[in-house]
């Protein structure tokens, strides 16, 4: 029998997009451009192919859940280098765990956290605080692991991040888990150190786990976004109640490698490791070897950022003053206010063979049926510069 919780999930955004667009034929003779999925298309660094080939004999061995010491130390060094963390604060063997991309880990971490809170005396399911709009995995993790999602609107009014001071005490008392994403998907907003410190303080005061999705942390415009572990360090203490998720998919343009890591509170990492030893996907040894080299190299990351900055420059030159355009501080999405995102997405496909994602598909409507994503479309700047210009001009021509 199917799990009845499935019926309470919002339809997966790309299923909804297919239902909207697939019955409609794009114009004949126009090359389709698909910018609905945040899948990087920049060329992966050559070292990936080289190392996977060199380490091919290791495909014949089962990889350990905890990965290799070399991988964990490379990640620890990167965390210290990227966020200025004190060396003694990052313990590679106790605070870092490889994962098969951040997506499955963001989903599975709820299984390590929520069951421990089901018997809270306050009644009802444990609450999972989710930004709205949100990455759909957060909602799925909450619902499928017995939690109740609470959607925190992240609108233009709130700087496209949840208003932490607007969360009431009753909600905080029942909270077991809070997901944050910085830079945010889809809006590109960055949580500053003060915001992260406030979120960490709430987690520690009310006894919930703060999960910070930082998979876009290396795709930024001007200033490197601060991280949650950096905020912990600035508070003068440890990583208690905090766990962060990173991936090479965006940083190094290798989404097919399926490689990332989680880091933070050693008690949470230990619980997560135990859970993953039963049901988590381990990362192959050749992939770990390539990932180790990628985390040790920053030059290819800066080159990658320059490509995205060039596309942001182009977008600003063409769209400034239109569709509520703003230059996102991080990530590679444009979050364009077009009035009715679903109608705009349909028109762009039908008239210009351009595939984008309606913002409503990434958000949850409130009790008054108001969906904070409804006026928007999300457009991923993942194509070449020429392809991006073509896509942006199609937007201007149609909308």
Protein backbone atom coordinates (compact mmCIF):
# COMPACT_ATOMS: atom_id res chain seq x y z
CA UNK A 1 0.00 0.00 0.00
CA UNK A 2 1.27 3.45 -0.88
CA UNK A 3 2.37 5.81 1.86
CA UNK A 4 -0.59 8.19 2.37
CA UNK A 5 1.84 11.04 3.08
CA UNK A 6 2.61 11.16 -0.63
CA UNK A 7 -0.81 12.65 -1.29
CA UNK A 8 -0.03 15.68 0.88
CA UNK A 9 3.05 16.65 -1.13
CA UNK A 10 2.89 19.45 -3.67
CA UNK A 11 3.22 18.04 -7.18
CA UNK A 12 6.85 17.94 -8.22
CA UNK A 13 7.61 21.17 -10.13
CA UNK A 14 8.94 19.51 -13.27
CA UNK A 15 5.98 17.15 -13.44
CA UNK A 16 3.77 20.23 -13.36
CA UNK A 17 5.89 21.90 -16.01
CA UNK A 18 5.61 18.91 -18.32
CA UNK A 19 1.85 18.85 -17.82
CA UNK A 20 1.70 22.56 -18.71
CA UNK A 21 4.03 22.64 -21.72
CA UNK A 22 4.21 19.19 -23.28
CA UNK A 23 0.73 19.40 -24.90
CA UNK A 24 1.84 22.64 -26.62
CA UNK A 25 4.05 22.62 -29.71
CA UNK A 26 6.77 25.28 -29.83
CA UNK A 27 7.09 27.29 -33.04
CA UNK A 28 8.43 25.40 -36.04
CA UNK A 29 11.98 26.26 -37.01
CA UNK A 30 12.93 27.81 -33.66
CA UNK A 31 15.61 25.99 -31.69
CA UNK A 32 14.29 25.26 -28.17
CA UNK A 33 16.24 26.66 -25.23
CA UNK A 34 15.67 24.86 -21.93
CA UNK A 35 16.48 27.05 -18.91
CA UNK A 36 13.96 25.55 -16.48
CA UNK A 37 16.43 23.22 -14.73
CA UNK A 38 19.41 24.44 -12.73
CA UNK A 39 21.84 22.07 -14.43
CA UNK A 40 25.21 23.73 -15.11
CA UNK A 41 26.44 23.48 -18.70
CA UNK A 42 29.92 24.91 -18.34
CA UNK A 43 32.69 22.47 -19.23
CA UNK A 44 33.92 20.42 -16.24
CA UNK A 45 37.59 20.85 -15.29
CA UNK A 46 39.82 18.45 -17.31
CA UNK A 47 41.21 16.96 -14.11
CA UNK A 48 37.92 15.14 -13.54
CA UNK A 49 38.28 12.97 -16.62
CA UNK A 50 41.98 12.43 -15.93
CA UNK A 51 41.55 11.27 -12.34
CA UNK A 52 38.52 9.08 -13.04
CA UNK A 53 40.57 7.35 -15.72
CA UNK A 54 43.65 7.01 -13.51
CA UNK A 55 41.60 5.57 -10.63
CA UNK A 56 39.41 3.26 -12.75
CA UNK A 57 40.61 0.14 -10.94
CA UNK A 58 38.90 1.41 -7.76
CA UNK A 59 35.45 0.89 -9.32
CA UNK A 60 35.92 -2.71 -8.19
CA UNK A 61 35.84 -1.79 -4.48
CA UNK A 62 32.97 -0.86 -2.21
CA UNK A 63 33.48 2.72 -0.99
CA UNK A 64 33.21 3.39 2.77
CA UNK A 65 30.33 5.62 3.91
CA UNK A 66 32.78 8.01 5.55
CA UNK A 67 34.79 8.32 2.35
CA UNK A 68 38.57 8.66 2.43
CA UNK A 69 40.81 10.55 4.82
CA UNK A 70 42.18 12.52 1.85
CA UNK A 71 38.68 13.66 0.86
CA UNK A 72 37.73 14.70 4.40
CA UNK A 73 40.98 16.62 4.87
CA UNK A 74 40.59 18.38 1.50
CA UNK A 75 37.10 19.50 2.53
CA UNK A 76 38.36 20.61 5.95
CA UNK A 77 41.11 22.65 4.31
CA UNK A 78 38.59 24.22 1.92
CA UNK A 79 36.27 25.15 4.80
CA UNK A 80 39.16 26.80 6.63
CA UNK A 81 40.31 28.58 3.46
CA UNK A 82 36.89 29.65 2.21
CA UNK A 83 35.36 30.75 5.52
CA UNK A 84 38.43 31.64 7.58
CA UNK A 85 37.63 28.99 10.18
CA UNK A 86 40.18 28.31 12.92
CA UNK A 87 42.06 25.08 12.21
CA UNK A 88 41.15 23.58 15.59
CA UNK A 89 37.43 24.17 14.97
CA UNK A 90 37.24 21.84 11.96
CA UNK A 91 37.91 18.18 12.76
CA UNK A 92 37.93 16.26 9.49
CA UNK A 93 37.16 12.84 10.94
CA UNK A 94 34.30 13.93 13.21
CA UNK A 95 32.60 16.78 11.39
CA UNK A 96 32.63 15.91 7.67
CA UNK A 97 30.88 13.21 5.67
CA UNK A 98 30.78 12.75 1.88
CA UNK A 99 27.38 12.46 0.20
CA UNK A 100 26.16 11.57 -3.28
CA UNK A 101 25.27 15.16 -4.09
CA UNK A 102 23.48 17.46 -1.67
CA UNK A 103 19.97 16.57 -2.85
CA UNK A 104 19.73 13.05 -1.40
CA UNK A 105 21.46 14.17 1.77
CA UNK A 106 19.10 17.13 2.31
CA UNK A 107 16.23 14.68 2.03
CA UNK A 108 17.73 11.98 4.21
CA UNK A 109 18.91 14.22 7.05
CA UNK A 110 15.30 14.60 8.18
CA UNK A 111 15.23 10.88 8.95
CA UNK A 112 18.14 11.37 11.33
CA UNK A 113 16.51 14.32 13.08
CA UNK A 114 12.72 14.02 13.13
CA UNK A 115 12.11 10.64 14.81
CA UNK A 116 13.94 11.83 17.92
CA UNK A 117 11.38 14.62 18.34
CA UNK A 118 8.11 12.75 17.71
CA UNK A 119 7.45 12.30 21.43
CA UNK A 120 7.69 15.98 22.31
CA UNK A 121 5.05 16.83 24.95
CA UNK A 122 3.62 19.76 22.96
CA UNK A 123 1.45 17.53 20.79
CA UNK A 124 1.24 17.12 17.04
CA UNK A 125 3.91 16.29 14.53
CA UNK A 126 7.29 18.01 14.81
CA UNK A 127 7.45 21.15 12.71
CA UNK A 128 9.88 21.67 9.86
CA UNK A 129 10.44 25.32 8.96
CA UNK A 130 10.84 25.82 5.22
CA UNK A 131 11.48 29.00 3.19
CA UNK A 132 8.72 29.78 0.72
CA UNK A 133 9.57 29.53 -2.23
CA UNK A 134 11.66 26.44 -1.55
CA UNK A 135 13.68 23.62 -3.04
CA UNK A 136 11.09 20.85 -3.26
CA UNK A 137 13.32 18.34 -1.45
CA UNK A 138 12.79 20.27 1.81
CA UNK A 139 9.04 19.71 1.68
CA UNK A 140 9.43 16.07 0.69
CA UNK A 141 11.86 15.44 3.54
CA UNK A 142 9.51 17.02 6.07
CA UNK A 143 6.37 15.19 4.97
CA UNK A 144 7.85 11.77 4.26
CA UNK A 145 9.66 11.64 7.61
CA UNK A 146 6.63 12.50 9.72
CA UNK A 147 7.07 16.24 10.09
CA UNK A 148 4.68 19.08 9.36
CA UNK A 149 6.06 21.79 7.06
CA UNK A 150 5.64 25.41 8.10
CA UNK A 151 6.18 27.75 5.16
CA UNK A 152 8.02 30.99 5.86
CA UNK A 153 7.40 33.50 3.08
CA UNK A 154 10.58 34.88 1.52
CA UNK A 155 9.29 37.77 -0.56
CA UNK A 156 10.70 41.00 -1.89
CA UNK A 157 9.38 42.65 1.30
CA UNK A 158 11.57 40.38 3.47
CA UNK A 159 14.63 40.59 1.24
CA UNK A 160 13.78 37.17 -0.27
CA UNK A 161 14.74 35.44 2.98
CA UNK A 162 12.36 34.30 5.75
CA UNK A 163 11.66 36.89 8.42
CA UNK A 164 13.07 35.12 11.47
CA UNK A 165 11.53 37.62 13.88
CA UNK A 166 8.06 36.87 12.53
CA UNK A 167 8.14 33.21 13.66
CA UNK A 168 5.90 32.90 16.69
CA UNK A 169 6.97 31.25 19.93
CA UNK A 170 4.50 28.36 19.62
CA UNK A 171 5.97 27.43 16.25
CA UNK A 172 9.54 27.66 17.52
CA UNK A 173 8.66 25.49 20.52
CA UNK A 174 7.48 22.67 18.22
CA UNK A 175 10.19 23.09 15.59
CA UNK A 176 12.52 20.15 15.06
CA UNK A 177 14.26 21.23 11.89
CA UNK A 178 14.73 24.40 9.87
CA UNK A 179 15.93 24.53 6.28
CA UNK A 180 17.67 27.64 4.99
CA UNK A 181 19.26 28.13 1.57
CA UNK A 182 21.92 30.79 1.04
CA UNK A 183 22.40 31.90 -1.67
CA UNK A 184 18.69 31.23 -2.02
CA UNK A 185 17.13 29.14 -4.74
CA UNK A 186 15.38 30.70 -6.66
CA UNK A 187 15.87 34.32 -5.57
CA UNK A 188 19.66 34.53 -5.18
CA UNK A 189 19.44 36.34 -1.82
CA UNK A 190 22.36 35.92 0.58
CA UNK A 191 22.01 35.63 4.35
CA UNK A 192 24.59 37.84 6.05
CA UNK A 193 26.45 36.86 9.22
CA UNK A 194 23.95 38.65 11.45
CA UNK A 195 21.06 36.73 9.90
CA UNK A 196 22.89 33.41 10.24
CA UNK A 197 23.80 34.14 13.85
CA UNK A 198 20.14 34.91 14.57
CA UNK A 199 19.06 31.60 13.00
CA UNK A 200 21.69 29.68 14.97
CA UNK A 201 20.57 31.39 18.17
CA UNK A 202 16.97 30.36 17.57
CA UNK A 203 18.00 26.77 16.86
CA UNK A 204 19.99 26.54 20.07
CA UNK A 205 17.45 28.35 22.20
CA UNK A 206 14.57 26.16 21.04
CA UNK A 207 16.44 22.90 20.51
CA UNK A 208 15.96 22.36 16.78
CA UNK A 209 18.45 21.54 14.04
CA UNK A 210 19.41 24.22 11.53
CA UNK A 211 20.10 22.75 8.09
CA UNK A 212 21.78 25.24 5.77
CA UNK A 213 21.88 24.41 2.08
CA UNK A 214 24.97 26.19 0.73
CA UNK A 215 25.23 24.46 -2.64
CA UNK A 216 25.39 27.84 -4.46
CA UNK A 217 27.99 29.30 -2.08
CA UNK A 218 30.71 29.47 -4.75
CA UNK A 219 28.48 31.03 -7.43
CA UNK A 220 28.37 34.65 -6.34
CA UNK A 221 28.46 38.05 -7.98
CA UNK A 222 30.65 40.42 -5.94
CA UNK A 223 31.21 39.22 -2.39
CA UNK A 224 31.60 35.60 -1.19
CA UNK A 225 28.50 34.69 0.85
CA UNK A 226 29.21 33.96 4.51
CA UNK A 227 28.49 30.45 5.72
CA UNK A 228 26.71 29.03 8.73
CA UNK A 229 29.89 27.45 10.13
CA UNK A 230 31.56 30.84 9.78
CA UNK A 231 28.68 32.32 11.78
CA UNK A 232 29.20 29.63 14.43
CA UNK A 233 32.86 30.58 14.64
CA UNK A 234 31.97 34.26 14.98
CA UNK A 235 29.80 33.35 17.98
CA UNK A 236 32.95 32.03 19.63
CA UNK A 237 31.78 28.45 20.01
CA UNK A 238 31.27 25.15 18.29
CA UNK A 239 28.90 23.88 15.58
CA UNK A 240 26.13 22.72 17.93
CA UNK A 241 22.70 22.35 16.25
CA UNK A 242 24.09 23.29 12.83
CA UNK A 243 24.80 21.21 9.74
CA UNK A 244 25.69 22.54 6.28
CA UNK A 245 25.44 20.94 2.85
CA UNK A 246 27.73 21.56 -0.11
CA UNK A 247 28.00 20.12 -3.59
CA UNK A 248 30.43 20.13 -6.50
CA UNK A 249 27.58 20.22 -9.02
CA UNK A 250 27.43 24.02 -9.23
CA UNK A 251 30.87 24.91 -7.87
CA UNK A 252 32.73 22.76 -10.40
CA UNK A 253 30.07 22.23 -13.11
CA UNK A 254 29.93 18.46 -12.51
CA UNK A 255 26.27 17.66 -11.70
CA UNK A 256 26.73 14.11 -13.02
CA UNK A 257 29.53 13.39 -10.55
CA UNK A 258 26.98 13.32 -7.69
CA UNK A 259 29.44 14.42 -5.06
CA UNK A 260 29.11 16.70 -2.07
CA UNK A 261 29.56 16.78 1.68
CA UNK A 262 27.85 17.60 4.94
CA UNK A 263 29.68 19.23 7.83
CA UNK A 264 28.89 20.58 11.26
CA UNK A 265 27.79 19.40 14.69
CA UNK A 266 29.73 16.15 15.34
CA UNK A 267 26.76 14.59 17.13
CA UNK A 268 24.57 15.21 14.07
CA UNK A 269 27.29 13.94 11.72
CA UNK A 270 27.62 10.76 13.79
CA UNK A 271 23.86 10.18 13.69
CA UNK A 272 23.77 10.89 9.98
CA UNK A 273 26.68 8.53 9.34
CA UNK A 274 24.90 5.75 11.20
CA UNK A 275 21.72 6.32 9.21
CA UNK A 276 23.61 6.41 5.91
CA UNK A 277 25.41 3.18 6.71
CA UNK A 278 22.00 1.51 6.39
CA UNK A 279 20.33 3.41 3.56
CA UNK A 280 22.50 6.19 2.17
CA UNK A 281 24.27 6.13 -1.17
CA UNK A 282 28.03 5.97 -0.75
CA UNK A 283 30.36 7.81 -3.11
CA UNK A 284 32.61 5.73 -5.36
CA UNK A 285 36.36 5.80 -4.70
CA UNK A 286 37.27 7.24 -8.14
CA UNK A 287 34.67 9.96 -7.58
CA UNK A 288 36.13 10.70 -4.15
CA UNK A 289 39.58 11.00 -5.70
CA UNK A 290 38.34 13.47 -8.32
CA UNK A 291 36.34 15.34 -5.67
CA UNK A 292 39.41 15.63 -3.45
CA UNK A 293 41.29 17.35 -6.26
CA UNK A 294 38.35 19.65 -7.02
CA UNK A 295 38.03 20.83 -3.41
CA UNK A 296 41.76 21.57 -3.39
CA UNK A 297 41.59 23.72 -6.53
CA UNK A 298 40.08 27.21 -6.56
CA UNK A 299 41.28 28.43 -9.96
CA UNK A 300 38.60 26.61 -11.96
CA UNK A 301 35.95 27.98 -9.58
CA UNK A 302 36.93 31.58 -10.22
CA UNK A 303 36.87 30.93 -13.97
CA UNK A 304 33.40 29.44 -13.57
CA UNK A 305 32.23 32.50 -11.63
CA UNK A 306 33.47 34.83 -14.36
CA UNK A 307 31.27 33.04 -16.89
CA UNK A 308 28.21 33.57 -14.70
CA UNK A 309 29.14 37.21 -14.06
CA UNK A 310 29.33 37.84 -17.79
CA UNK A 311 25.80 36.51 -18.14
CA UNK A 312 24.59 38.66 -15.24
CA UNK A 313 26.13 41.69 -16.93
CA UNK A 314 24.26 40.80 -20.10
CA UNK A 315 20.98 40.25 -18.25
CA UNK A 316 21.31 43.57 -16.48
CA UNK A 317 21.98 45.40 -19.74
CA UNK A 318 18.88 43.93 -21.37
CA UNK A 319 16.41 43.63 -18.48
CA UNK A 320 17.25 46.44 -16.08
CA UNK A 321 14.03 48.29 -15.27
CA UNK A 322 11.86 45.44 -16.58
CA UNK A 323 10.14 42.51 -14.84
CA UNK A 324 11.35 43.63 -11.40
CA UNK A 325 14.88 42.74 -12.44
CA UNK A 326 17.55 42.81 -9.75
CA UNK A 327 21.06 41.44 -9.84
CA UNK A 328 21.15 38.36 -7.58
CA UNK A 329 23.97 38.31 -5.06
CA UNK A 330 24.46 34.57 -5.54
CA UNK A 331 23.39 31.59 -7.58
CA UNK A 332 22.65 31.59 -11.30
CA UNK A 333 18.89 32.16 -11.45
CA UNK A 334 16.90 35.17 -12.55
CA UNK A 335 13.68 35.59 -10.55
CA UNK A 336 11.60 37.73 -12.88
CA UNK A 337 8.29 39.27 -11.87
CA UNK A 338 6.02 38.89 -14.90
CA UNK A 339 2.53 39.16 -13.37
CA UNK A 340 1.44 35.55 -13.92
CA UNK A 341 4.36 33.16 -14.05
CA UNK A 342 2.43 30.18 -15.35
CA UNK A 343 0.88 32.16 -18.18
CA UNK A 344 4.25 33.71 -19.04
CA UNK A 345 5.98 30.31 -19.10
CA UNK A 346 3.30 28.96 -21.43
CA UNK A 347 3.60 31.97 -23.75
CA UNK A 348 7.40 31.74 -23.86
CA UNK A 349 7.24 28.09 -24.86
CA UNK A 350 4.39 28.44 -27.34
CA UNK A 351 5.73 31.59 -29.02
CA UNK A 352 9.50 31.41 -28.55
CA UNK A 353 10.46 27.78 -27.70
CA UNK A 354 11.94 28.99 -24.40
CA UNK A 355 11.37 26.73 -21.40
CA UNK A 356 11.38 28.40 -17.96
CA UNK A 357 9.79 27.45 -14.65
CA UNK A 358 6.73 29.20 -13.19
CA UNK A 359 7.51 30.50 -9.71
CA UNK A 360 4.27 29.11 -8.32
CA UNK A 361 5.64 25.60 -8.83
CA UNK A 362 8.38 26.34 -6.28
CA UNK A 363 6.14 27.72 -3.53
CA UNK A 364 3.15 26.86 -1.36
CA UNK A 365 -0.05 28.90 -1.33
CA UNK A 366 -1.32 30.12 2.05
CA UNK A 367 -4.77 29.63 3.56
CA UNK A 368 -6.06 32.44 1.34
CA UNK A 369 -4.67 30.70 -1.77
CA UNK A 370 -1.98 33.36 -2.18
CA UNK A 371 1.18 31.85 -3.63
CA UNK A 372 4.29 34.06 -3.19
CA UNK A 373 5.87 32.58 -6.31
CA UNK A 374 2.89 33.06 -8.60
CA UNK A 375 3.97 36.38 -10.18
CA UNK A 376 7.44 35.05 -11.07
CA UNK A 377 9.35 32.86 -13.47
CA UNK A 378 12.69 31.27 -12.69
CA UNK A 379 15.24 31.34 -15.47
CA UNK A 380 18.59 29.55 -15.11
CA UNK A 381 21.62 31.31 -16.65
CA UNK A 382 23.26 28.02 -17.56
CA UNK A 383 23.64 28.34 -21.33
CA UNK A 384 26.50 29.93 -23.26
CA UNK A 385 26.70 33.71 -23.39
CA UNK A 386 25.28 33.70 -26.91
CA UNK A 387 22.52 31.29 -25.93
CA UNK A 388 21.71 33.41 -22.89
CA UNK A 389 21.40 36.53 -25.03
CA UNK A 390 19.10 34.67 -27.42
CA UNK A 391 16.93 33.55 -24.49
CA UNK A 392 16.76 37.00 -22.93
CA UNK A 393 15.76 38.58 -26.22
CA UNK A 394 13.00 35.98 -26.57
CA UNK A 395 11.73 37.04 -23.15
CA UNK A 396 11.68 40.67 -24.26
CA UNK A 397 9.97 39.86 -27.54
CA UNK A 398 7.22 37.76 -26.00
CA UNK A 399 6.57 39.45 -22.66
